[in-house]
Amino acid sequence: MKSEKIIKPANGYLMLVIVLVLFFVGVALTAKFDNPAYLLLSLIGFIGFFGFILVNPNTSKVILLFGKYVGTIKDNGLYWANPLYRKKSISLRASNFDSERLKVNDKLGNPIMISTILVWRVTDTYKAAFDVDNYENFVRVQTDAAVRKLASMYPYDNFADEGHTEDITLRSSVNEVSEALEKEIDERLSIAGIEVLEARIGYLAYAQEIASAMLKRQQATAIVAARHKIVQGAVEMVEMALNELNKRQIVDLDDERKAAMVSNLLVILCGDKEASPVVNAGTLSH
C-alpha cells in the first residue's frame, strides 16, 4: 500500500466497559473460587487496556502492525484496536515556519539577505510518515532550497541606468514573488503529503557588505530623478516667461539679454538655496 487509508476502529467507550468487566470479574471469580484459572480473564482485560487509542482534534494516528501499514485514524475520539498495533501521531494542524535569514545572490549577482514565512499542514499521513525520513525537517530544508532558487531568478531591484529592467523584482513585486515562492515550495513538499497554505518573503535586504553602497546609490538615483524634474519644470517656466514677455510686448530683448535672463532664471529655479537679488539702478545695458 502506497497511499493513505482512513480507518475507524471499534468504539473505545464500549470496549472500556468490556475490558473493565473482564478484569474485575476475573479478580472476583479468582477470589471466590480460589481458582487461578480465572486470572486469565483479568489478564485478557489487562492486555485490552493497551488497545485504546485517543485521537485529539486536528491530529491523526498512523497504525502499524509488525511494520505493515494498516491505516490512519483522523476522526477525533476514543477508539480500541488490536493491542499489538503501533501508533504514530501526526498533527493535522496548520504550522507556521519562519526560516532563518539566508545570504544568497540575486539574478544580478548582488548578495542579499532573505527569509520566508511558511504556513503548511499535513494532508497525506502515509507520505508524511513513510515517504520522507522526518517531514518537519524536510519542510525546513526544502523551504531554504526554494528560497535560494527564487532569489537567483529575480533581481533585488531595477537598475535602469545600467540597462537592467525587469518586470518582476524581489523588492517591488511582492504578490508575484509570493505566488512563485508558494508554487515552488508546494511542488517540493507534495512528495511528503504536505500542503502549502501560504508562503511570503519575511525579510529582504542587501547583505551588510554592500548595503551602505546600495543605499548611496538609491539616494543618488533619487536625487538625479528629483533634479531632472526640477530642471524640466524650470525650463518650462522660463519658456513661459519669455513667451509672455514677447506676447505682451513689455520689453524687447535681444538674444544676448534673453540668454542672460534664461541663465538667471535657471539659477533661481534650480538652486538649492534662495538667490540674493541684485538691484540694477542703471539701464539694461549696465
Foldseek 3Di string as FASTA:
>chain_A
DQFAAEDAAAAQVVLLVVLVCQQVVLVVVCVVVVDNVSCVSNVVSVLQVLFKDFDDAQKKKFKDAPNHTDHMYHDGDIHGDRSRIDIDMFGQDKDKDKAAFDFEAAQVGFTKTWIKIWIKGADTVSLQPPVDDHLVVQLRVQLVVLVRVLRNHAAQDADVVVPGDDPDHLPPNFPVSFVSSQVSSQVSSVSSRMHTPGMGIDDIAGDPVCRVVVVVVVVVVVVVVVLVVQQVVLVVVLVVVVVVCVVVVPDDDDPVVSVVVSVVSCCQSRPPDHDDDDDDPDDPVD
